[in-house]
Protein backbone atom coordinates (compact mmCIF):
# COMPACT_ATOMS: atom_id res chain seq x y z
CA UNK A 1 -59.56 67.30 -36.97
CA UNK A 2 -56.55 66.46 -39.09
CA UNK A 3 -56.93 65.06 -42.54
CA UNK A 4 -53.54 62.98 -41.64
CA UNK A 5 -55.81 60.38 -39.96
CA UNK A 6 -58.37 58.33 -41.93
CA UNK A 7 -60.23 57.63 -38.43
CA UNK A 8 -59.89 60.10 -35.57
CA UNK A 9 -61.91 60.11 -32.25
CA UNK A 10 -61.82 63.05 -30.01
CA UNK A 11 -63.20 62.80 -26.15
CA UNK A 12 -65.35 59.96 -26.97
CA UNK A 13 -67.46 58.72 -23.71
CA UNK A 14 -70.26 56.04 -23.29
CA UNK A 15 -72.15 56.25 -20.15
CA UNK A 16 -74.78 53.62 -19.02
CA UNK A 17 -76.50 55.61 -16.02
CA UNK A 18 -73.69 56.40 -13.62
CA UNK A 19 -71.36 53.88 -15.03
CA UNK A 20 -68.82 55.23 -17.57
CA UNK A 21 -67.76 52.47 -19.92
CA UNK A 22 -65.44 54.83 -22.02
CA UNK A 23 -64.16 58.03 -20.87
CA UNK A 24 -62.77 60.95 -22.96
CA UNK A 25 -61.01 58.55 -25.45
CA UNK A 26 -58.87 60.00 -28.09
CA UNK A 27 -57.87 57.91 -30.88
CA UNK A 28 -56.13 58.54 -34.24
CA UNK A 29 -55.49 55.94 -36.84
CA UNK A 30 -53.27 56.79 -40.09
CA UNK A 31 -54.31 55.07 -43.13
CA UNK A 32 -52.70 51.87 -44.36
CA UNK A 33 -51.65 50.83 -40.90
CA UNK A 34 -52.36 48.17 -38.40
CA UNK A 35 -53.56 49.59 -35.24
CA UNK A 36 -54.20 47.35 -32.20
CA UNK A 37 -56.43 48.26 -29.09
CA UNK A 38 -55.38 46.26 -26.13
CA UNK A 39 -56.20 46.10 -22.31
CA UNK A 40 -57.52 44.11 -19.71
CA UNK A 41 -61.16 42.35 -19.79
CA UNK A 42 -63.78 45.59 -18.95
CA UNK A 43 -61.25 48.15 -20.29
CA UNK A 44 -63.89 49.34 -22.81
CA UNK A 45 -62.16 48.07 -25.69
CA UNK A 46 -65.48 46.52 -27.42
CA UNK A 47 -67.65 49.50 -26.33
CA UNK A 48 -64.96 51.89 -28.24
CA UNK A 49 -65.52 49.43 -31.33
CA UNK A 50 -69.21 49.73 -31.13
CA UNK A 51 -69.19 53.54 -31.03
CA UNK A 52 -66.62 53.52 -33.70
CA UNK A 53 -68.87 51.33 -36.08
CA UNK A 54 -72.35 52.91 -35.10
CA UNK A 55 -73.51 50.08 -33.06
CA UNK A 56 -73.78 52.10 -30.02
CA UNK A 57 -74.51 55.73 -29.67
CA UNK A 58 -71.84 57.94 -28.15
CA UNK A 59 -72.74 59.89 -24.95
CA UNK A 60 -70.27 62.66 -25.89
CA UNK A 61 -67.49 63.31 -28.18
CA UNK A 62 -66.88 63.20 -31.72
CA UNK A 63 -65.87 60.72 -34.63
CA UNK A 64 -64.31 61.72 -37.95
CA UNK A 65 -63.72 59.06 -40.71
CA UNK A 66 -62.23 59.93 -44.07
CA UNK A 67 -62.78 63.85 -43.34
CA UNK A 68 -66.37 63.34 -42.38
CA UNK A 69 -68.02 63.62 -39.37
CA UNK A 70 -69.80 60.22 -38.63
CA UNK A 71 -70.63 60.66 -35.00
CA UNK A 72 -74.51 60.59 -35.34
CA UNK A 73 -74.54 58.31 -38.50
CA UNK A 74 -76.19 54.83 -37.94
CA UNK A 75 -74.03 51.58 -38.86
CA UNK A 76 -75.13 51.09 -42.37
CA UNK A 77 -74.23 54.39 -43.29
CA UNK A 78 -70.75 53.95 -42.15
CA UNK A 79 -70.74 50.69 -43.88
CA UNK A 80 -71.52 52.61 -47.18
CA UNK A 81 -68.64 55.05 -46.62
CA UNK A 82 -66.10 52.19 -46.08
CA UNK A 83 -66.24 50.89 -42.46
CA UNK A 84 -66.31 46.99 -42.11
CA UNK A 85 -66.19 45.07 -39.06
CA UNK A 86 -65.62 41.42 -37.58
CA UNK A 87 -67.05 40.46 -34.16
CA UNK A 88 -65.42 38.37 -31.14
CA UNK A 89 -68.20 35.88 -31.99
CA UNK A 90 -68.10 34.30 -35.21
CA UNK A 91 -71.05 36.00 -37.22
CA UNK A 92 -71.70 33.97 -40.32
CA UNK A 93 -74.79 32.33 -42.41
CA UNK A 94 -73.72 28.86 -41.56
CA UNK A 95 -76.29 27.21 -43.88
CA UNK A 96 -75.13 29.19 -46.81
CA UNK A 97 -71.96 28.15 -49.05
CA UNK A 98 -68.75 30.30 -48.40
CA UNK A 99 -69.35 32.18 -51.71
CA UNK A 100 -72.88 32.94 -51.02
CA UNK A 101 -71.65 34.55 -47.63
CA UNK A 102 -69.09 36.73 -49.33
CA UNK A 103 -71.64 37.61 -52.11
CA UNK A 104 -74.17 38.77 -49.30
CA UNK A 105 -71.57 40.66 -47.65
CA UNK A 106 -70.44 42.27 -51.19
CA UNK A 107 -73.98 43.46 -51.76
CA UNK A 108 -74.35 44.68 -48.09
CA UNK A 109 -73.07 48.05 -49.28
CA UNK A 110 -76.41 48.48 -51.36
CA UNK A 111 -79.08 46.95 -49.03
CA UNK A 112 -81.92 47.12 -51.22
CA UNK A 113 -80.21 44.54 -53.54
CA UNK A 114 -78.73 42.32 -50.84
CA UNK A 115 -81.83 40.57 -50.05
CA UNK A 116 -83.61 40.52 -53.11
CA UNK A 117 -84.96 37.07 -53.06
CA UNK A 118 -87.02 37.07 -56.19
CA UNK A 119 -84.24 37.39 -58.63
CA UNK A 120 -81.15 35.04 -59.01
CA UNK A 121 -77.95 36.59 -58.24
CA UNK A 122 -76.38 36.58 -62.03
CA UNK A 123 -74.45 39.26 -63.63
CA UNK A 124 -73.27 42.20 -61.41
CA UNK A 125 -75.49 40.89 -58.83
CA UNK A 126 -73.43 37.70 -58.24
CA UNK A 127 -70.48 39.94 -57.35
CA UNK A 128 -68.23 36.98 -58.89
CA UNK A 129 -65.22 38.90 -59.31
CA UNK A 130 -65.19 40.23 -55.65
CA UNK A 131 -65.88 36.97 -54.41
CA UNK A 132 -63.29 35.29 -56.41
CA UNK A 133 -60.70 37.83 -55.30
CA UNK A 134 -61.65 37.67 -51.58
CA UNK A 135 -61.46 33.81 -51.75
CA UNK A 136 -58.01 33.98 -52.83
CA UNK A 137 -56.92 36.73 -50.25
CA UNK A 138 -58.26 34.58 -47.47
CA UNK A 139 -56.85 31.34 -48.51
CA UNK A 140 -60.42 29.75 -48.94
CA UNK A 141 -60.74 29.35 -52.76
CA UNK A 142 -60.86 25.58 -52.75
CA UNK A 143 -63.65 25.80 -50.21
CA UNK A 144 -66.12 28.11 -52.06
CA UNK A 145 -68.93 25.67 -52.31
CA UNK A 146 -68.64 24.36 -48.95
CA UNK A 147 -71.20 25.30 -46.26
CA UNK A 148 -69.86 27.94 -43.84
CA UNK A 149 -71.22 25.87 -40.94
CA UNK A 150 -68.81 23.01 -41.92
CA UNK A 151 -65.75 25.03 -42.00
CA UNK A 152 -63.13 24.77 -39.12
CA UNK A 153 -63.02 27.24 -36.37
CA UNK A 154 -59.90 28.85 -38.05
CA UNK A 155 -61.40 29.03 -41.62
CA UNK A 156 -64.61 30.52 -40.24
CA UNK A 157 -62.53 33.32 -38.78
CA UNK A 158 -60.97 34.06 -42.15
CA UNK A 159 -64.38 33.97 -43.74
CA UNK A 160 -65.59 36.49 -41.43
CA UNK A 161 -62.46 38.77 -42.28
CA UNK A 162 -63.50 37.81 -45.98
CA UNK A 163 -67.01 39.11 -45.48
CA UNK A 164 -65.59 42.54 -44.30
CA UNK A 165 -63.19 42.66 -47.49
CA UNK A 166 -66.20 42.04 -49.59
CA UNK A 167 -67.51 45.37 -48.88
CA UNK A 168 -64.43 46.90 -50.10
CA UNK A 169 -63.81 49.00 -47.06
CA UNK A 170 -61.23 51.77 -46.35
CA UNK A 171 -61.25 50.80 -42.73
CA UNK A 172 -61.63 47.22 -41.05
CA UNK A 173 -62.21 46.62 -37.38
CA UNK A 174 -61.47 43.19 -36.20
CA UNK A 175 -62.51 42.03 -32.68
CA UNK A 176 -60.24 39.44 -31.38
CA UNK A 177 -59.75 37.66 -34.89
CA UNK A 178 -57.56 34.92 -33.41
CA UNK A 179 -60.05 34.13 -30.53
CA UNK A 180 -60.30 30.27 -30.16
CA UNK A 181 -57.68 29.57 -32.84
CA UNK A 182 -54.82 26.89 -32.77
CA UNK A 183 -51.15 27.92 -33.29
CA UNK A 184 -51.32 27.14 -37.30
CA UNK A 185 -54.45 29.02 -37.76
CA UNK A 186 -53.06 32.05 -35.85
CA UNK A 187 -50.07 32.19 -37.81
CA UNK A 188 -52.20 32.26 -41.16
CA UNK A 189 -54.40 35.11 -39.49
CA UNK A 190 -51.20 37.03 -38.79
CA UNK A 191 -50.20 36.77 -42.16
CA UNK A 192 -53.59 37.95 -43.57
CA UNK A 193 -53.92 40.93 -41.33
CA UNK A 194 -50.36 42.07 -42.21
CA UNK A 195 -51.11 41.78 -45.68
CA UNK A 196 -54.19 43.98 -45.48
CA UNK A 197 -52.46 47.24 -44.74
CA UNK A 198 -51.37 47.79 -48.53
CA UNK A 199 -55.13 48.24 -49.82
CA UNK A 200 -56.79 49.04 -46.16
CA UNK A 201 -56.49 50.22 -42.52
CA UNK A 202 -57.00 47.79 -39.73
CA UNK A 203 -57.83 48.24 -36.15
CA UNK A 204 -58.00 45.36 -34.08
CA UNK A 205 -58.60 44.32 -30.51
CA UNK A 206 -56.36 41.38 -29.37
CA UNK A 207 -55.34 39.49 -26.19
CA UNK A 208 -52.37 37.72 -27.69
CA UNK A 209 -49.53 40.09 -27.22
CA UNK A 210 -47.14 38.09 -29.45
CA UNK A 211 -49.54 38.98 -32.31
CA UNK A 212 -49.86 42.61 -31.09
CA UNK A 213 -46.17 43.11 -31.10
CA UNK A 214 -45.32 41.44 -34.32
CA UNK A 215 -47.84 43.09 -36.66
CA UNK A 216 -49.18 46.20 -35.19
CA UNK A 217 -47.82 49.80 -36.34
CA UNK A 218 -49.18 51.53 -33.46
CA UNK A 219 -50.55 50.09 -30.11
CA UNK A 220 -53.27 51.83 -27.87
CA UNK A 221 -53.80 50.55 -24.39
CA UNK A 222 -56.71 50.94 -22.46
CA UNK A 223 -57.71 50.62 -18.84
CA UNK A 224 -60.89 51.17 -17.15
CA UNK A 225 -62.50 53.30 -20.13
CA UNK A 226 -59.55 55.32 -20.74
CA UNK A 227 -56.40 55.33 -23.01
CA UNK A 228 -53.39 54.37 -20.68
CA UNK A 229 -50.76 54.64 -23.19
CA UNK A 230 -50.09 54.74 -27.04
CA UNK A 231 -46.88 54.23 -29.19
CA UNK A 232 -44.98 52.06 -31.17
CA UNK A 233 -44.75 48.14 -29.92
CA UNK A 234 -41.47 48.49 -28.71
CA UNK A 235 -42.60 51.45 -26.70
CA UNK A 236 -45.46 49.69 -25.22
CA UNK A 237 -43.24 46.64 -24.12
CA UNK A 238 -41.13 48.77 -22.10
CA UNK A 239 -44.12 50.95 -20.49
CA UNK A 240 -44.08 50.59 -16.92
CA UNK A 241 -47.20 51.95 -16.67
CA UNK A 242 -48.59 49.20 -19.05
CA UNK A 243 -46.65 46.54 -17.14
CA UNK A 244 -48.19 47.73 -13.74
CA UNK A 245 -51.77 47.95 -15.39
CA UNK A 246 -51.87 44.25 -16.44
CA UNK A 247 -49.46 42.92 -18.28
CA UNK A 248 -46.55 42.25 -16.04
CA UNK A 249 -43.73 39.76 -17.28
CA UNK A 250 -46.38 38.51 -19.77
CA UNK A 251 -45.34 41.68 -22.21
CA UNK A 252 -42.67 39.54 -23.31
CA UNK A 253 -45.11 36.94 -24.93
CA UNK A 254 -48.29 34.95 -24.52
CA UNK A 255 -51.66 36.11 -23.43
CA UNK A 256 -53.19 38.73 -21.26
């Protein structure tokens, strides 16, 4: 597989008995880009994410990340290689402060240290520089001592992206990062995701077509577990197959 791509999947498939959730999917993600994966509900997008991050074992196919075959590697090993992920449903430690959530995420690349409850997190274990940097990046610097559970929904979504960033990943996979957000929060998330490609590579699932068309470098469209189309945003916008599959006249804006 080519070293031109940071992430490359070939012939990826996931079967549950006779049901094929994903069938023969090829995906190539260039470094320092924003690559969106779209499609109707049940298209196989989240299952694809599960396989890319090691949450779900593949039935067949191959996954290469940063020049290494990670097809059979567990999720924690991929995290150590530089893969981070957020989930469709916010996954935080609500009873801990924002900065503690980030500190645990930063230590997560070294699991033996992350949950060492017998020593106070001081010195290098505090990950203070990383926490401060991420707080500024996601716009939560004034809320570092607030409990994560007391944040607004939009702030929680930004914190979750921050937790992914705290692990210093090369690749960040975001599963519907704007889900449940109001318009003001959506605009902030768009700016955040767009800013990430300077130092990271982003792959994200999203239903809001305005966001997809505005910030994506490449768009992959899935239908019934397969790749239907792939290309630049304007190519996907005008693709008759995509329109016929599920977007219709909604390709010009709104949600699908």
